Amino acid sequence: MDLRENRAMELESGIAAFETKNFAHATKLLSPIAEEGNPDAMYRMAIMLQNGLGCLANEDKAFSYMKKAAENGLPLAMHALGFMYFEGECTEKNPELCIEWFERAANEGMMGSATTLGMIFEEGKIVEQDLRKAEEWYKKAGISK
């Protein structure tokens, strides 16, 4: 078995450990793969680092991993990064970047991001209320209002 096949097995095992909430084992398996730049590993490591699951919490590293995973095209990470900017978790609140990442995630098929954008534009709290945009995003999410 070559290194690439071994890494693929470790990634699969790390994701399985993450999904079954065996976070210490997931951290052990996914951390080196995340360091190599794998978006799936970076996304899961970001969640564990943000919440101190199976490792010490480290918001800076969590944000860095999430941003890199999002920039590498992982829709789940795009959505999560949007929430980091929305809530000010691991970074400063930033309405513009929040919307940018939710839009990117929604355009990759993340219906939760489209729904969130609909709510943001409907409520008009972090951006100026725009009911037309809200309706467009809700429609994209398959929600009729």
N, C-alpha and C. Protein backbone atom coordinates (compact mmCIF):
# COMPACT_ATOMS: atom_id res chain seq x y z
N MET A 1 0.85 -1.18 0.00
CA MET A 1 0.00 0.00 0.00
C MET A 1 0.90 1.24 0.00
N ASP A 2 0.62 2.17 -0.92
CA ASP A 2 1.45 3.37 -0.98
C ASP A 2 0.93 4.42 0.00
N LEU A 3 1.69 5.49 0.12
CA LEU A 3 1.36 6.54 1.09
C LEU A 3 -0.02 7.15 0.82
N ARG A 4 -0.35 7.35 -0.47
CA ARG A 4 -1.63 7.96 -0.81
C ARG A 4 -2.79 7.06 -0.39
N GLU A 5 -2.67 5.77 -0.63
CA GLU A 5 -3.73 4.82 -0.21
C GLU A 5 -3.85 4.80 1.31
N ASN A 6 -2.70 4.84 1.99
CA ASN A 6 -2.69 4.85 3.44
C ASN A 6 -3.37 6.11 3.98
N ARG A 7 -3.06 7.27 3.38
CA ARG A 7 -3.68 8.53 3.80
C ARG A 7 -5.19 8.50 3.57
N ALA A 8 -5.61 7.91 2.45
CA ALA A 8 -7.04 7.81 2.15
C ALA A 8 -7.74 6.97 3.21
N MET A 9 -7.10 5.87 3.63
CA MET A 9 -7.68 5.02 4.68
C MET A 9 -7.72 5.77 6.01
N GLU A 10 -6.65 6.51 6.33
CA GLU A 10 -6.61 7.28 7.57
C GLU A 10 -7.69 8.36 7.56
N LEU A 11 -7.88 9.01 6.40
CA LEU A 11 -8.92 10.03 6.29
C LEU A 11 -10.29 9.41 6.52
N GLU A 12 -10.55 8.30 5.87
CA GLU A 12 -11.83 7.60 6.03
C GLU A 12 -12.04 7.20 7.48
N SER A 13 -11.01 6.67 8.12
CA SER A 13 -11.11 6.26 9.53
C SER A 13 -11.30 7.47 10.44
N GLY A 14 -10.60 8.57 10.12
CA GLY A 14 -10.73 9.79 10.92
C GLY A 14 -12.12 10.38 10.82
N ILE A 15 -12.69 10.38 9.62
CA ILE A 15 -14.05 10.89 9.43
C ILE A 15 -15.04 10.00 10.17
N ALA A 16 -14.84 8.69 10.10
CA ALA A 16 -15.72 7.77 10.83
C ALA A 16 -15.63 8.01 12.34
N ALA A 17 -14.42 8.22 12.84
CA ALA A 17 -14.24 8.51 14.27
C ALA A 17 -14.95 9.82 14.64
N PHE A 18 -14.83 10.82 13.78
CA PHE A 18 -15.50 12.11 14.01
C PHE A 18 -17.01 11.91 14.05
N GLU A 19 -17.55 11.19 13.07
CA GLU A 19 -19.00 10.99 12.97
C GLU A 19 -19.55 10.20 14.16
N THR A 20 -18.73 9.33 14.74
CA THR A 20 -19.18 8.55 15.90
C THR A 20 -18.79 9.22 17.22
N LYS A 21 -18.33 10.47 17.12
CA LYS A 21 -17.98 11.30 18.28
C LYS A 21 -16.79 10.77 19.07
N ASN A 22 -15.93 10.00 18.43
CA ASN A 22 -14.67 9.58 19.05
C ASN A 22 -13.63 10.62 18.66
N PHE A 23 -13.76 11.79 19.29
CA PHE A 23 -13.00 12.96 18.86
C PHE A 23 -11.50 12.86 19.09
N ALA A 24 -11.09 12.21 20.18
CA ALA A 24 -9.64 12.08 20.43
C ALA A 24 -9.00 11.27 19.32
N HIS A 25 -9.63 10.19 18.93
CA HIS A 25 -9.09 9.34 17.84
C HIS A 25 -9.17 10.10 16.51
N ALA A 26 -10.26 10.81 16.30
CA ALA A 26 -10.41 11.60 15.07
C ALA A 26 -9.30 12.64 14.97
N THR A 27 -9.01 13.31 16.07
CA THR A 27 -7.94 14.31 16.08
C THR A 27 -6.60 13.69 15.72
N LYS A 28 -6.32 12.55 16.31
CA LYS A 28 -5.05 11.85 16.05
C LYS A 28 -4.91 11.52 14.56
N LEU A 29 -5.99 11.05 13.96
CA LEU A 29 -5.94 10.65 12.55
C LEU A 29 -6.01 11.84 11.60
N LEU A 30 -6.85 12.81 11.90
CA LEU A 30 -7.11 13.90 10.95
C LEU A 30 -6.12 15.05 11.02
N SER A 31 -5.50 15.26 12.18
CA SER A 31 -4.60 16.40 12.33
C SER A 31 -3.47 16.41 11.29
N PRO A 32 -2.74 15.30 11.10
CA PRO A 32 -1.66 15.35 10.10
C PRO A 32 -2.20 15.52 8.67
N ILE A 33 -3.37 14.98 8.41
CA ILE A 33 -3.96 15.09 7.06
C ILE A 33 -4.42 16.53 6.83
N ALA A 34 -4.94 17.16 7.87
CA ALA A 34 -5.34 18.57 7.77
C ALA A 34 -4.11 19.43 7.52
N GLU A 35 -3.01 19.12 8.20
CA GLU A 35 -1.77 19.88 8.00
C GLU A 35 -1.27 19.77 6.56
N GLU A 36 -1.60 18.67 5.91
CA GLU A 36 -1.21 18.47 4.50
C GLU A 36 -2.15 19.22 3.55
N GLY A 37 -3.26 19.79 4.09
CA GLY A 37 -4.14 20.60 3.28
C GLY A 37 -5.39 19.93 2.77
N ASN A 38 -5.75 18.78 3.32
CA ASN A 38 -6.97 18.11 2.88
C ASN A 38 -8.20 18.85 3.44
N PRO A 39 -9.10 19.35 2.56
CA PRO A 39 -10.25 20.13 3.02
C PRO A 39 -11.19 19.38 3.97
N ASP A 40 -11.44 18.10 3.71
CA ASP A 40 -12.33 17.33 4.59
C ASP A 40 -11.75 17.20 6.00
N ALA A 41 -10.44 16.98 6.07
CA ALA A 41 -9.78 16.88 7.38
C ALA A 41 -9.74 18.25 8.06
N MET A 42 -9.45 19.31 7.28
CA MET A 42 -9.39 20.66 7.86
C MET A 42 -10.76 21.06 8.43
N TYR A 43 -11.83 20.75 7.71
CA TYR A 43 -13.19 21.09 8.16
C TYR A 43 -13.48 20.44 9.51
N ARG A 44 -13.21 19.17 9.62
CA ARG A 44 -13.51 18.45 10.86
C ARG A 44 -12.58 18.88 12.00
N MET A 45 -11.31 19.11 11.68
CA MET A 45 -10.39 19.60 12.71
C MET A 45 -10.84 20.97 13.20
N ALA A 46 -11.33 21.82 12.29
CA ALA A 46 -11.80 23.15 12.68
C ALA A 46 -12.92 23.04 13.71
N ILE A 47 -13.86 22.14 13.46
CA ILE A 47 -14.98 21.96 14.39
C ILE A 47 -14.47 21.48 15.75
N MET A 48 -13.56 20.52 15.73
CA MET A 48 -13.04 20.00 17.00
C MET A 48 -12.22 21.06 17.73
N LEU A 49 -11.40 21.81 17.01
CA LEU A 49 -10.60 22.86 17.64
C LEU A 49 -11.47 24.01 18.15
N GLN A 50 -12.53 24.34 17.44
CA GLN A 50 -13.43 25.40 17.86
C GLN A 50 -14.11 25.06 19.17
N ASN A 51 -14.45 23.79 19.34
CA ASN A 51 -15.25 23.35 20.49
C ASN A 51 -14.47 22.55 21.52
N GLY A 52 -13.17 22.38 21.32
CA GLY A 52 -12.36 21.62 22.26
C GLY A 52 -12.79 20.16 22.35
N LEU A 53 -13.09 19.57 21.20
CA LEU A 53 -13.53 18.16 21.15
C LEU A 53 -12.34 17.28 20.82
N GLY A 54 -11.89 16.50 21.79
CA GLY A 54 -10.76 15.59 21.56
C GLY A 54 -9.42 16.29 21.52
N CYS A 55 -9.41 17.58 21.79
CA CYS A 55 -8.19 18.37 21.76
C CYS A 55 -8.45 19.66 22.53
N LEU A 56 -7.40 20.41 22.77
CA LEU A 56 -7.58 21.72 23.39
C LEU A 56 -8.20 22.67 22.38
N ALA A 57 -9.13 23.49 22.82
CA ALA A 57 -9.75 24.46 21.94
C ALA A 57 -8.68 25.45 21.45
N ASN A 58 -8.77 25.81 20.19
CA ASN A 58 -7.84 26.77 19.60
C ASN A 58 -8.60 27.50 18.49
N GLU A 59 -9.20 28.63 18.83
CA GLU A 59 -10.06 29.34 17.88
C GLU A 59 -9.29 29.85 16.66
N ASP A 60 -8.06 30.30 16.87
CA ASP A 60 -7.27 30.79 15.72
C ASP A 60 -7.02 29.69 14.70
N LYS A 61 -6.62 28.53 15.21
CA LYS A 61 -6.35 27.41 14.30
C LYS A 61 -7.65 26.90 13.68
N ALA A 62 -8.73 26.91 14.48
CA ALA A 62 -10.04 26.48 13.97
C ALA A 62 -10.45 27.37 12.80
N PHE A 63 -10.31 28.69 12.97
CA PHE A 63 -10.66 29.62 11.91
C PHE A 63 -9.78 29.41 10.68
N SER A 64 -8.50 29.24 10.91
CA SER A 64 -7.56 29.04 9.80
C SER A 64 -7.92 27.80 8.99
N TYR A 65 -8.18 26.70 9.67
CA TYR A 65 -8.56 25.46 8.98
C TYR A 65 -9.87 25.64 8.22
N MET A 66 -10.87 26.27 8.88
CA MET A 66 -12.18 26.41 8.23
C MET A 66 -12.05 27.28 6.98
N LYS A 67 -11.30 28.36 7.09
CA LYS A 67 -11.13 29.27 5.95
C LYS A 67 -10.42 28.56 4.79
N LYS A 68 -9.38 27.79 5.11
CA LYS A 68 -8.65 27.07 4.06
C LYS A 68 -9.53 26.01 3.42
N ALA A 69 -10.32 25.30 4.22
CA ALA A 69 -11.22 24.28 3.67
C ALA A 69 -12.26 24.93 2.76
N ALA A 70 -12.79 26.09 3.18
CA ALA A 70 -13.77 26.81 2.36
C ALA A 70 -13.13 27.30 1.06
N GLU A 71 -11.95 27.87 1.18
CA GLU A 71 -11.23 28.37 -0.01
C GLU A 71 -10.88 27.24 -0.98
N ASN A 72 -10.77 26.02 -0.44
CA ASN A 72 -10.49 24.86 -1.28
C ASN A 72 -11.76 24.22 -1.83
N GLY A 73 -12.91 24.91 -1.66
CA GLY A 73 -14.12 24.50 -2.33
C GLY A 73 -15.04 23.54 -1.59
N LEU A 74 -14.83 23.33 -0.30
CA LEU A 74 -15.69 22.42 0.46
C LEU A 74 -16.96 23.16 0.90
N PRO A 75 -18.13 22.82 0.31
CA PRO A 75 -19.36 23.55 0.63
C PRO A 75 -19.71 23.59 2.12
N LEU A 76 -19.50 22.49 2.84
CA LEU A 76 -19.78 22.48 4.28
C LEU A 76 -18.94 23.52 5.00
N ALA A 77 -17.69 23.65 4.59
CA ALA A 77 -16.79 24.63 5.21
C ALA A 77 -17.21 26.05 4.83
N MET A 78 -17.67 26.24 3.60
CA MET A 78 -18.15 27.57 3.19
C MET A 78 -19.30 28.00 4.08
N HIS A 79 -20.23 27.07 4.32
CA HIS A 79 -21.39 27.35 5.18
C HIS A 79 -20.93 27.66 6.61
N ALA A 80 -20.04 26.83 7.13
CA ALA A 80 -19.56 27.02 8.50
C ALA A 80 -18.78 28.32 8.64
N LEU A 81 -18.00 28.67 7.63
CA LEU A 81 -17.25 29.93 7.67
C LEU A 81 -18.22 31.11 7.65
N GLY A 82 -19.29 30.99 6.87
CA GLY A 82 -20.32 32.02 6.88
C GLY A 82 -20.87 32.23 8.28
N PHE A 83 -21.11 31.13 9.00
CA PHE A 83 -21.61 31.25 10.37
C PHE A 83 -20.58 31.84 11.31
N MET A 84 -19.30 31.51 11.10
CA MET A 84 -18.26 32.12 11.94
C MET A 84 -18.31 33.64 11.80
N TYR A 85 -18.42 34.11 10.57
CA TYR A 85 -18.50 35.56 10.35
C TYR A 85 -19.84 36.14 10.84
N PHE A 86 -20.91 35.36 10.74
CA PHE A 86 -22.23 35.80 11.18
C PHE A 86 -22.27 35.97 12.70
N GLU A 87 -21.75 34.97 13.41
CA GLU A 87 -21.83 34.94 14.87
C GLU A 87 -20.63 35.61 15.55
N GLY A 88 -19.56 35.83 14.81
CA GLY A 88 -18.33 36.32 15.44
C GLY A 88 -17.64 35.24 16.24
N GLU A 89 -17.72 34.01 15.76
CA GLU A 89 -17.06 32.87 16.44
C GLU A 89 -15.71 32.62 15.77
N CYS A 90 -14.66 32.65 16.55
CA CYS A 90 -13.28 32.43 16.09
C CYS A 90 -12.76 33.59 15.25
N THR A 91 -13.57 34.59 15.02
CA THR A 91 -13.19 35.77 14.24
C THR A 91 -14.15 36.90 14.57
N GLU A 92 -13.88 38.06 14.03
CA GLU A 92 -14.80 39.19 14.21
C GLU A 92 -16.04 39.00 13.36
N LYS A 93 -17.18 39.52 13.83
CA LYS A 93 -18.38 39.52 12.99
C LYS A 93 -18.08 40.34 11.74
N ASN A 94 -18.55 39.84 10.59
CA ASN A 94 -18.33 40.55 9.34
C ASN A 94 -19.49 40.23 8.40
N PRO A 95 -20.49 41.12 8.35
CA PRO A 95 -21.68 40.86 7.53
C PRO A 95 -21.36 40.62 6.05
N GLU A 96 -20.42 41.38 5.49
CA GLU A 96 -20.09 41.21 4.07
C GLU A 96 -19.50 39.83 3.79
N LEU A 97 -18.53 39.42 4.62
CA LEU A 97 -17.92 38.10 4.40
C LEU A 97 -18.90 36.98 4.75
N CYS A 98 -19.75 37.22 5.73
CA CYS A 98 -20.78 36.25 6.09
C CYS A 98 -21.65 35.96 4.86
N ILE A 99 -22.14 37.01 4.24
CA ILE A 99 -23.01 36.85 3.07
C ILE A 99 -22.25 36.24 1.90
N GLU A 100 -21.01 36.69 1.70
CA GLU A 100 -20.21 36.13 0.60
C GLU A 100 -20.07 34.61 0.73
N TRP A 101 -19.75 34.14 1.94
CA TRP A 101 -19.54 32.69 2.11
C TRP A 101 -20.86 31.92 2.08
N PHE A 102 -21.93 32.48 2.64
CA PHE A 102 -23.22 31.82 2.53
C PHE A 102 -23.65 31.72 1.06
N GLU A 103 -23.41 32.78 0.29
CA GLU A 103 -23.76 32.75 -1.14
C GLU A 103 -22.95 31.68 -1.88
N ARG A 104 -21.67 31.62 -1.58
CA ARG A 104 -20.83 30.61 -2.24
C ARG A 104 -21.32 29.20 -1.89
N ALA A 105 -21.65 28.99 -0.62
CA ALA A 105 -22.14 27.68 -0.19
C ALA A 105 -23.48 27.37 -0.84
N ALA A 106 -24.38 28.36 -0.87
CA ALA A 106 -25.70 28.16 -1.48
C ALA A 106 -25.56 27.84 -2.96
N ASN A 107 -24.64 28.50 -3.62
CA ASN A 107 -24.41 28.23 -5.04
C ASN A 107 -23.77 26.87 -5.30
N GLU A 108 -23.26 26.25 -4.23
CA GLU A 108 -22.73 24.88 -4.32
C GLU A 108 -23.77 23.86 -3.87
N GLY A 109 -25.01 24.34 -3.63
CA GLY A 109 -26.10 23.41 -3.30
C GLY A 109 -26.43 23.30 -1.82
N MET A 110 -25.83 24.11 -0.97
CA MET A 110 -26.12 24.06 0.46
C MET A 110 -27.42 24.82 0.74
N MET A 111 -28.51 24.08 0.86
CA MET A 111 -29.82 24.70 1.04
C MET A 111 -29.92 25.45 2.37
N GLY A 112 -29.21 24.99 3.38
CA GLY A 112 -29.20 25.70 4.66
C GLY A 112 -28.63 27.09 4.52
N SER A 113 -27.64 27.24 3.64
CA SER A 113 -27.06 28.57 3.39
C SER A 113 -28.07 29.46 2.67
N ALA A 114 -28.77 28.90 1.70
CA ALA A 114 -29.79 29.67 0.99
C ALA A 114 -30.90 30.12 1.95
N THR A 115 -31.31 29.23 2.83
CA THR A 115 -32.34 29.56 3.83
C THR A 115 -31.84 30.66 4.77
N THR A 116 -30.59 30.53 5.20
CA THR A 116 -30.01 31.53 6.09
C THR A 116 -29.97 32.89 5.40
N LEU A 117 -29.58 32.91 4.13
CA LEU A 117 -29.55 34.17 3.38
C LEU A 117 -30.96 34.77 3.27
N GLY A 118 -31.95 33.92 3.04
CA GLY A 118 -33.33 34.40 3.01
C GLY A 118 -33.70 35.08 4.31
N MET A 119 -33.34 34.46 5.43
CA MET A 119 -33.65 35.03 6.74
C MET A 119 -32.89 36.33 6.96
N ILE A 120 -31.62 36.36 6.56
CA ILE A 120 -30.82 37.58 6.74
C ILE A 120 -31.45 38.75 6.00
N PHE A 121 -31.83 38.53 4.74
CA PHE A 121 -32.41 39.62 3.95
C PHE A 121 -33.84 39.96 4.40
N GLU A 122 -34.56 38.96 4.90
CA GLU A 122 -35.92 39.22 5.39
C GLU A 122 -35.89 40.04 6.69
N GLU A 123 -34.99 39.66 7.60
CA GLU A 123 -34.94 40.33 8.91
C GLU A 123 -34.32 41.72 8.80
N GLY A 124 -33.32 41.88 7.94
CA GLY A 124 -32.69 43.18 7.79
C GLY A 124 -31.94 43.67 9.00
N LYS A 125 -31.35 42.74 9.78
CA LYS A 125 -30.60 43.14 10.98
C LYS A 125 -29.13 43.42 10.67
N ILE A 126 -28.50 42.56 9.88
CA ILE A 126 -27.07 42.78 9.59
C ILE A 126 -26.87 43.42 8.22
N VAL A 127 -27.92 43.45 7.42
CA VAL A 127 -27.91 44.14 6.13
C VAL A 127 -29.24 44.87 6.01
N GLU A 128 -29.31 45.75 5.04
CA GLU A 128 -30.59 46.44 4.80
C GLU A 128 -31.61 45.40 4.34
N GLN A 129 -32.81 45.48 4.89
CA GLN A 129 -33.87 44.54 4.51
C GLN A 129 -34.12 44.61 3.00
N ASP A 130 -34.20 43.44 2.39
CA ASP A 130 -34.46 43.34 0.95
C ASP A 130 -35.35 42.12 0.74
N LEU A 131 -36.65 42.34 0.73
CA LEU A 131 -37.61 41.23 0.64
C LEU A 131 -37.53 40.51 -0.70
N ARG A 132 -37.15 41.21 -1.76
CA ARG A 132 -36.99 40.57 -3.06
C ARG A 132 -35.83 39.55 -3.01
N LYS A 133 -34.70 39.97 -2.44
CA LYS A 133 -33.57 39.05 -2.29
C LYS A 133 -33.93 37.90 -1.37
N ALA A 134 -34.64 38.21 -0.28
CA ALA A 134 -35.05 37.17 0.65
C ALA A 134 -35.87 36.11 -0.07
N GLU A 135 -36.83 36.57 -0.87
CA GLU A 135 -37.69 35.65 -1.62
C GLU A 135 -36.88 34.80 -2.60
N GLU A 136 -35.91 35.42 -3.27
CA GLU A 136 -35.05 34.67 -4.21
C GLU A 136 -34.28 33.56 -3.51
N TRP A 137 -33.72 33.89 -2.32
CA TRP A 137 -32.96 32.87 -1.59
C TRP A 137 -33.87 31.78 -1.04
N TYR A 138 -35.03 32.16 -0.53
CA TYR A 138 -35.97 31.15 -0.05
C TYR A 138 -36.38 30.23 -1.21
N LYS A 139 -36.63 30.80 -2.35
CA LYS A 139 -37.02 30.01 -3.52
C LYS A 139 -35.89 29.03 -3.89
N LYS A 140 -34.66 29.52 -3.87
CA LYS A 140 -33.51 28.66 -4.16
C LYS A 140 -33.41 27.51 -3.15
N ALA A 141 -33.84 27.78 -1.93
CA ALA A 141 -33.81 26.76 -0.87
C ALA A 141 -35.03 25.83 -0.94
N GLY A 142 -35.97 26.14 -1.84
CA GLY A 142 -37.16 25.31 -1.95
C GLY A 142 -38.22 25.66 -0.93
N ILE A 143 -38.18 26.89 -0.39
CA ILE A 143 -39.14 27.33 0.61
C ILE A 143 -40.03 28.39 -0.02
N SER A 144 -41.33 28.20 0.10
CA SER A 144 -42.23 29.25 -0.40
C SER A 144 -42.74 30.05 0.79
N LYS A 145 -42.64 31.35 0.69
CA LYS A 145 -43.06 32.23 1.78
C LYS A 145 -44.21 33.07 1.33
